[in-house]
C-alpha cells in the first residue's frame, strides 16, 4: 500500500500515539554486547563510532548500558510515504517552539518521535494541536 504523500494530509492524519514503554538510546563499540542487545532493540544503527540501539528500559539496564535520558516514543500513525515531504519538519518545528527536543526515526510505515519522558505529555498535546490545525 502506498503511503500518504500530501503534506497537509500527513499532518492532519498523524494521529500520534504514546507508547507506555520507556526507551533509551544506547551505544557500544563492543560487538558481543551489541549482538546480545540486538534481539531487544527497537532499532539498530551501524555508525562509524560503534553500534547504536534503541532499547527498552529493562533491557538497557540488564545489559549494563547507561540510562541517562529516558525517552518516550510517540508513533505518528499515518502511513507516510518514504518520499513524503514536510511531516518531520512540521513535527520537529512545533516541538522546537516549545523547547522540546526530539529524535525522529522514520520506518517504512510510520515515523516515531522520541522525546524526553518528562516532556511526553506536553509533546502529545502539541502534536494533537498541530494535526487539528491542519484540518
N, C-alpha and C. Protein backbone atom coordinates (compact mmCIF):
# COMPACT_ATOMS: atom_id res chain seq x y z
N UNK A 1 0.84 -1.18 0.00
CA UNK A 1 0.00 0.00 0.00
C UNK A 1 0.88 1.24 0.00
N UNK A 2 0.56 2.18 -0.85
CA UNK A 2 1.33 3.42 -0.95
C UNK A 2 1.02 4.32 0.24
N UNK A 3 2.04 4.99 0.71
CA UNK A 3 1.87 5.91 1.82
C UNK A 3 1.33 7.25 1.36
N UNK A 4 0.90 8.04 2.33
CA UNK A 4 0.38 9.38 2.09
C UNK A 4 1.54 10.31 1.74
N UNK A 5 1.41 11.08 0.64
CA UNK A 5 2.47 11.99 0.21
C UNK A 5 2.13 13.45 0.48
N UNK A 6 0.86 13.78 0.43
CA UNK A 6 0.46 15.18 0.59
C UNK A 6 0.78 15.66 2.00
N UNK A 7 1.50 16.78 2.08
CA UNK A 7 1.96 17.29 3.38
C UNK A 7 0.80 17.52 4.34
N UNK A 8 -0.22 18.23 3.89
CA UNK A 8 -1.35 18.54 4.77
C UNK A 8 -2.05 17.26 5.23
N UNK A 9 -2.21 16.29 4.33
CA UNK A 9 -2.86 15.03 4.70
C UNK A 9 -2.02 14.24 5.71
N UNK A 10 -0.70 14.27 5.54
CA UNK A 10 0.16 13.58 6.51
C UNK A 10 0.02 14.22 7.89
N UNK A 11 0.04 15.55 7.93
CA UNK A 11 -0.01 16.25 9.21
C UNK A 11 -1.37 16.04 9.89
N UNK A 12 -2.45 16.23 9.14
CA UNK A 12 -3.77 16.10 9.79
C UNK A 12 -4.08 14.65 10.15
N UNK A 13 -3.45 13.70 9.46
CA UNK A 13 -3.70 12.29 9.75
C UNK A 13 -2.67 11.64 10.65
N UNK A 14 -1.78 12.43 11.25
CA UNK A 14 -0.68 11.82 12.00
C UNK A 14 -1.14 11.00 13.20
N UNK A 15 -2.24 11.34 13.84
CA UNK A 15 -2.82 10.56 14.95
C UNK A 15 -1.74 10.01 15.89
N UNK A 16 -1.07 10.90 16.63
CA UNK A 16 0.02 10.44 17.49
C UNK A 16 -0.45 9.51 18.61
N UNK A 17 0.32 8.46 18.85
CA UNK A 17 0.04 7.50 19.92
C UNK A 17 1.29 7.37 20.78
N UNK A 18 1.12 7.51 22.09
CA UNK A 18 2.26 7.38 23.00
C UNK A 18 2.40 5.94 23.47
N UNK A 19 3.59 5.43 23.33
CA UNK A 19 3.95 4.10 23.78
C UNK A 19 4.23 4.19 25.29
N UNK A 20 3.67 3.30 26.12
CA UNK A 20 3.92 3.38 27.56
C UNK A 20 5.34 2.96 27.97
N UNK A 21 6.06 2.30 27.08
CA UNK A 21 7.42 1.84 27.38
C UNK A 21 8.39 3.03 27.50
N UNK A 22 9.38 2.88 28.36
CA UNK A 22 10.48 3.84 28.44
C UNK A 22 11.61 3.31 27.57
N UNK A 23 12.19 4.20 26.75
CA UNK A 23 13.23 3.81 25.80
C UNK A 23 14.52 4.55 26.09
N UNK A 24 15.64 3.94 25.68
CA UNK A 24 16.96 4.57 25.83
C UNK A 24 17.73 4.43 24.53
N UNK A 25 18.40 5.51 24.15
CA UNK A 25 19.34 5.48 23.03
C UNK A 25 20.68 5.05 23.63
N UNK A 26 21.20 3.94 23.18
CA UNK A 26 22.42 3.35 23.74
C UNK A 26 23.45 3.17 22.63
N UNK A 27 24.71 3.12 23.02
CA UNK A 27 25.77 2.89 22.05
C UNK A 27 26.86 2.02 22.65
N UNK A 28 27.50 1.25 21.78
CA UNK A 28 28.62 0.42 22.22
C UNK A 28 29.54 0.14 21.03
N UNK A 29 30.82 0.00 21.33
CA UNK A 29 31.74 -0.46 20.31
C UNK A 29 32.14 -1.92 20.57
N UNK A 30 31.47 -2.53 21.54
CA UNK A 30 31.68 -3.94 21.90
C UNK A 30 30.73 -4.80 21.05
N UNK A 31 31.27 -5.52 20.10
CA UNK A 31 30.44 -6.32 19.18
C UNK A 31 29.63 -7.39 19.89
N UNK A 32 30.21 -8.01 20.92
CA UNK A 32 29.47 -9.04 21.66
C UNK A 32 28.27 -8.44 22.38
N UNK A 33 28.46 -7.29 23.02
CA UNK A 33 27.36 -6.63 23.70
C UNK A 33 26.29 -6.21 22.70
N UNK A 34 26.70 -5.69 21.57
CA UNK A 34 25.74 -5.28 20.54
C UNK A 34 24.90 -6.47 20.08
N UNK A 35 25.53 -7.62 19.92
CA UNK A 35 24.79 -8.82 19.48
C UNK A 35 23.84 -9.33 20.56
N UNK A 36 24.25 -9.22 21.83
CA UNK A 36 23.34 -9.62 22.93
C UNK A 36 22.16 -8.66 23.04
N UNK A 37 22.39 -7.40 22.72
CA UNK A 37 21.33 -6.39 22.83
C UNK A 37 20.38 -6.41 21.64
N UNK A 38 20.86 -6.82 20.50
CA UNK A 38 20.10 -6.75 19.25
C UNK A 38 18.68 -7.34 19.34
N UNK A 39 18.46 -8.51 19.95
CA UNK A 39 17.10 -9.07 20.00
C UNK A 39 16.11 -8.19 20.77
N UNK A 40 16.61 -7.34 21.64
CA UNK A 40 15.74 -6.48 22.45
C UNK A 40 15.49 -5.12 21.80
N UNK A 41 16.25 -4.80 20.78
CA UNK A 41 16.26 -3.45 20.21
C UNK A 41 15.06 -3.18 19.31
N UNK A 42 14.54 -1.97 19.44
CA UNK A 42 13.53 -1.48 18.51
C UNK A 42 14.19 -1.11 17.19
N UNK A 43 15.39 -0.55 17.28
CA UNK A 43 16.15 -0.17 16.09
C UNK A 43 17.64 -0.29 16.39
N UNK A 44 18.39 -0.59 15.34
CA UNK A 44 19.84 -0.73 15.45
C UNK A 44 20.47 0.04 14.28
N UNK A 45 21.49 0.82 14.58
CA UNK A 45 22.19 1.60 13.56
C UNK A 45 23.68 1.31 13.65
N UNK A 46 24.29 0.98 12.53
CA UNK A 46 25.73 0.81 12.47
C UNK A 46 26.33 2.18 12.15
N UNK A 47 27.08 2.72 13.10
CA UNK A 47 27.71 4.03 12.91
C UNK A 47 29.22 3.86 12.98
N UNK A 48 29.94 4.84 12.49
CA UNK A 48 31.41 4.76 12.50
C UNK A 48 31.95 4.55 13.91
N UNK A 49 31.29 5.13 14.90
CA UNK A 49 31.77 5.06 16.28
C UNK A 49 31.39 3.76 16.99
N UNK A 50 30.47 3.00 16.41
CA UNK A 50 30.01 1.77 17.04
C UNK A 50 28.57 1.50 16.67
N UNK A 51 27.93 0.65 17.45
CA UNK A 51 26.53 0.29 17.22
C UNK A 51 25.65 1.10 18.16
N UNK A 52 24.64 1.77 17.58
CA UNK A 52 23.65 2.48 18.38
C UNK A 52 22.37 1.66 18.37
N UNK A 53 21.71 1.60 19.53
CA UNK A 53 20.50 0.81 19.66
C UNK A 53 19.46 1.62 20.43
N UNK A 54 18.21 1.41 20.09
CA UNK A 54 17.11 1.96 20.88
C UNK A 54 16.53 0.78 21.65
N UNK A 55 16.71 0.82 22.98
CA UNK A 55 16.36 -0.31 23.83
C UNK A 55 15.31 0.05 24.86
N UNK A 56 14.43 -0.92 25.20
CA UNK A 56 13.51 -0.70 26.31
C UNK A 56 14.29 -0.61 27.62
N UNK A 57 13.72 0.08 28.57
CA UNK A 57 14.38 0.36 29.84
C UNK A 57 14.96 -0.88 30.50
N UNK A 58 14.16 -1.91 30.65
CA UNK A 58 14.62 -3.10 31.36
C UNK A 58 15.82 -3.75 30.68
N UNK A 59 15.76 -3.87 29.37
CA UNK A 59 16.88 -4.48 28.63
C UNK A 59 18.13 -3.63 28.73
N UNK A 60 17.98 -2.32 28.60
CA UNK A 60 19.13 -1.42 28.68
C UNK A 60 19.82 -1.56 30.04
N UNK A 61 19.02 -1.59 31.09
CA UNK A 61 19.58 -1.73 32.45
C UNK A 61 20.22 -3.10 32.64
N UNK A 62 19.51 -4.15 32.23
CA UNK A 62 20.02 -5.52 32.40
C UNK A 62 21.34 -5.74 31.66
N UNK A 63 21.50 -5.08 30.53
CA UNK A 63 22.71 -5.23 29.73
C UNK A 63 23.84 -4.29 30.16
N UNK A 64 23.54 -3.41 31.12
CA UNK A 64 24.57 -2.54 31.67
C UNK A 64 24.81 -1.24 30.94
N UNK A 65 23.88 -0.84 30.09
CA UNK A 65 24.02 0.44 29.39
C UNK A 65 23.71 1.61 30.32
N UNK A 66 24.30 2.76 30.05
CA UNK A 66 23.95 3.98 30.77
C UNK A 66 22.52 4.36 30.39
N UNK A 67 21.74 4.72 31.37
CA UNK A 67 20.33 5.07 31.12
C UNK A 67 20.08 6.50 31.62
N UNK A 68 20.79 7.43 31.01
CA UNK A 68 20.78 8.81 31.47
C UNK A 68 19.60 9.63 30.98
N UNK A 69 19.02 9.28 29.84
CA UNK A 69 17.93 10.08 29.29
C UNK A 69 16.77 9.20 28.89
N UNK A 70 15.86 8.92 29.83
CA UNK A 70 14.69 8.11 29.48
C UNK A 70 13.82 8.84 28.46
N UNK A 71 13.43 8.11 27.43
CA UNK A 71 12.66 8.70 26.34
C UNK A 71 11.31 8.00 26.20
N UNK A 72 10.34 8.77 25.72
CA UNK A 72 9.04 8.21 25.34
C UNK A 72 8.97 8.21 23.82
N UNK A 73 8.32 7.18 23.30
CA UNK A 73 8.12 7.09 21.85
C UNK A 73 6.69 7.48 21.53
N UNK A 74 6.55 8.38 20.59
CA UNK A 74 5.25 8.77 20.06
C UNK A 74 5.23 8.33 18.60
N UNK A 75 4.34 7.42 18.28
CA UNK A 75 4.23 6.94 16.91
C UNK A 75 3.21 7.79 16.16
N UNK A 76 3.61 8.28 15.01
CA UNK A 76 2.68 9.00 14.14
C UNK A 76 2.00 7.94 13.28
N UNK A 77 0.72 7.74 13.52
CA UNK A 77 0.00 6.60 12.96
C UNK A 77 -0.23 6.67 11.46
N UNK A 78 -0.12 7.85 10.88
CA UNK A 78 -0.31 7.97 9.43
C UNK A 78 0.76 7.15 8.72
N UNK A 79 0.36 6.46 7.66
CA UNK A 79 1.33 5.73 6.83
C UNK A 79 1.89 6.74 5.83
N UNK A 80 2.93 7.43 6.25
CA UNK A 80 3.54 8.46 5.39
C UNK A 80 4.43 7.79 4.35
N UNK A 81 4.43 8.34 3.16
CA UNK A 81 5.28 7.83 2.09
C UNK A 81 6.74 8.11 2.43
N UNK A 82 7.61 7.22 2.02
CA UNK A 82 9.03 7.42 2.27
C UNK A 82 9.55 8.69 1.60
N UNK A 83 8.91 9.10 0.50
CA UNK A 83 9.31 10.33 -0.18
C UNK A 83 8.37 11.50 0.11
N UNK A 84 7.54 11.35 1.16
CA UNK A 84 6.68 12.45 1.58
C UNK A 84 7.52 13.57 2.18
N UNK A 85 7.09 14.80 1.95
CA UNK A 85 7.84 15.96 2.40
C UNK A 85 7.02 16.78 3.39
N UNK A 86 7.61 17.09 4.54
CA UNK A 86 7.02 18.07 5.43
C UNK A 86 6.55 17.57 6.78
N UNK A 87 6.28 16.29 6.93
CA UNK A 87 5.77 15.79 8.21
C UNK A 87 6.82 15.95 9.31
N UNK A 88 8.01 15.47 9.06
CA UNK A 88 9.07 15.57 10.07
C UNK A 88 9.36 17.02 10.41
N UNK A 89 9.39 17.88 9.40
CA UNK A 89 9.65 19.30 9.63
C UNK A 89 8.56 19.94 10.48
N UNK A 90 7.30 19.61 10.20
CA UNK A 90 6.19 20.18 10.97
C UNK A 90 6.25 19.74 12.42
N UNK A 91 6.53 18.46 12.64
CA UNK A 91 6.60 17.92 13.99
C UNK A 91 7.78 18.52 14.75
N UNK A 92 8.95 18.48 14.15
CA UNK A 92 10.16 18.99 14.81
C UNK A 92 10.05 20.49 15.09
N UNK A 93 9.49 21.24 14.16
CA UNK A 93 9.34 22.69 14.36
C UNK A 93 8.39 23.01 15.50
N UNK A 94 7.26 22.32 15.53
CA UNK A 94 6.28 22.56 16.60
C UNK A 94 6.86 22.23 17.97
N UNK A 95 7.57 21.12 18.05
CA UNK A 95 8.18 20.75 19.33
C UNK A 95 9.32 21.69 19.70
N UNK A 96 10.10 22.12 18.72
CA UNK A 96 11.20 23.06 18.98
C UNK A 96 10.68 24.39 19.53
N UNK A 97 9.55 24.85 19.02
CA UNK A 97 8.95 26.09 19.52
C UNK A 97 8.66 26.00 21.01
N UNK A 98 8.34 24.80 21.48
CA UNK A 98 8.05 24.57 22.90
C UNK A 98 9.30 24.11 23.66
N UNK A 99 10.45 24.17 23.00
CA UNK A 99 11.73 23.76 23.60
C UNK A 99 11.74 22.28 24.00
N UNK A 100 11.05 21.47 23.21
CA UNK A 100 11.03 20.02 23.44
C UNK A 100 11.93 19.36 22.40
N UNK A 101 13.04 18.78 22.85
CA UNK A 101 13.91 18.09 21.90
C UNK A 101 13.25 16.81 21.40
N UNK A 102 13.56 16.46 20.16
CA UNK A 102 13.00 15.22 19.63
C UNK A 102 14.00 14.54 18.71
N UNK A 103 13.90 13.25 18.66
CA UNK A 103 14.66 12.42 17.72
C UNK A 103 13.63 11.64 16.92
N UNK A 104 13.64 11.81 15.62
CA UNK A 104 12.65 11.17 14.77
C UNK A 104 13.31 10.01 14.02
N UNK A 105 12.67 8.86 14.11
CA UNK A 105 13.11 7.68 13.37
C UNK A 105 12.00 7.36 12.38
N UNK A 106 12.33 7.40 11.11
CA UNK A 106 11.35 7.08 10.08
C UNK A 106 11.51 5.62 9.69
N UNK A 107 10.46 4.85 9.90
CA UNK A 107 10.45 3.46 9.47
C UNK A 107 9.61 3.37 8.18
N UNK A 108 9.35 2.18 7.70
CA UNK A 108 8.64 2.04 6.43
C UNK A 108 7.21 2.58 6.50
N UNK A 109 6.48 2.23 7.54
CA UNK A 109 5.07 2.61 7.63
C UNK A 109 4.83 3.89 8.43
N UNK A 110 5.62 4.12 9.45
CA UNK A 110 5.34 5.23 10.37
C UNK A 110 6.62 5.93 10.78
N UNK A 111 6.43 7.16 11.26
CA UNK A 111 7.51 7.91 11.89
C UNK A 111 7.34 7.78 13.40
N UNK A 112 8.46 7.68 14.09
CA UNK A 112 8.46 7.51 15.54
C UNK A 112 9.25 8.67 16.15
N UNK A 113 8.60 9.42 17.02
CA UNK A 113 9.19 10.61 17.61
C UNK A 113 9.56 10.28 19.05
N UNK A 114 10.82 10.41 19.37
CA UNK A 114 11.30 10.16 20.73
C UNK A 114 11.54 11.49 21.41
N UNK A 115 10.94 11.65 22.59
CA UNK A 115 11.08 12.88 23.38
C UNK A 115 11.44 12.51 24.81
N UNK A 116 12.09 13.42 25.54
CA UNK A 116 12.36 13.12 26.95
C UNK A 116 11.06 12.74 27.66
N UNK A 117 11.12 11.69 28.45
CA UNK A 117 9.92 11.14 29.07
C UNK A 117 9.11 12.18 29.84
N UNK A 118 9.80 13.08 30.54
CA UNK A 118 9.08 14.07 31.35
C UNK A 118 8.36 15.12 30.50
N UNK A 119 8.65 15.16 29.20
CA UNK A 119 8.01 16.13 28.30
C UNK A 119 7.02 15.47 27.35
N UNK A 120 6.77 14.19 27.53
CA UNK A 120 5.93 13.44 26.59
C UNK A 120 4.49 13.93 26.55
N UNK A 121 3.91 14.23 27.69
CA UNK A 121 2.52 14.71 27.69
C UNK A 121 2.40 16.04 26.96
N UNK A 122 3.33 16.94 27.21
CA UNK A 122 3.33 18.23 26.52
C UNK A 122 3.51 18.02 25.02
N UNK A 123 4.40 17.11 24.64
CA UNK A 123 4.63 16.82 23.22
C UNK A 123 3.36 16.26 22.57
N UNK A 124 2.68 15.36 23.25
CA UNK A 124 1.43 14.81 22.72
C UNK A 124 0.41 15.91 22.48
N UNK A 125 0.27 16.80 23.44
CA UNK A 125 -0.69 17.90 23.32
C UNK A 125 -0.36 18.78 22.10
N UNK A 126 0.91 19.09 21.94
CA UNK A 126 1.34 19.91 20.80
C UNK A 126 1.05 19.20 19.48
N UNK A 127 1.38 17.93 19.39
CA UNK A 127 1.17 17.20 18.14
C UNK A 127 -0.31 17.07 17.80
N UNK A 128 -1.14 16.87 18.80
CA UNK A 128 -2.59 16.82 18.56
C UNK A 128 -3.09 18.17 18.05
N UNK A 129 -2.56 19.26 18.62
CA UNK A 129 -2.93 20.60 18.15
C UNK A 129 -2.49 20.83 16.71
N UNK A 130 -1.28 20.42 16.38
CA UNK A 130 -0.77 20.58 15.01
C UNK A 130 -1.67 19.83 14.03
N UNK A 131 -2.06 18.62 14.37
CA UNK A 131 -2.93 17.83 13.50
C UNK A 131 -4.29 18.50 13.33
N UNK A 132 -4.85 19.02 14.42
CA UNK A 132 -6.16 19.70 14.35
C UNK A 132 -6.08 20.95 13.48
N UNK A 133 -4.99 21.70 13.62
CA UNK A 133 -4.83 22.93 12.85
C UNK A 133 -4.68 22.67 11.36
N UNK A 134 -4.27 21.47 10.98
CA UNK A 134 -4.10 21.13 9.56
C UNK A 134 -5.42 20.77 8.89
N UNK A 135 -6.46 20.57 9.67
CA UNK A 135 -7.76 20.16 9.09
C UNK A 135 -8.44 21.32 8.40
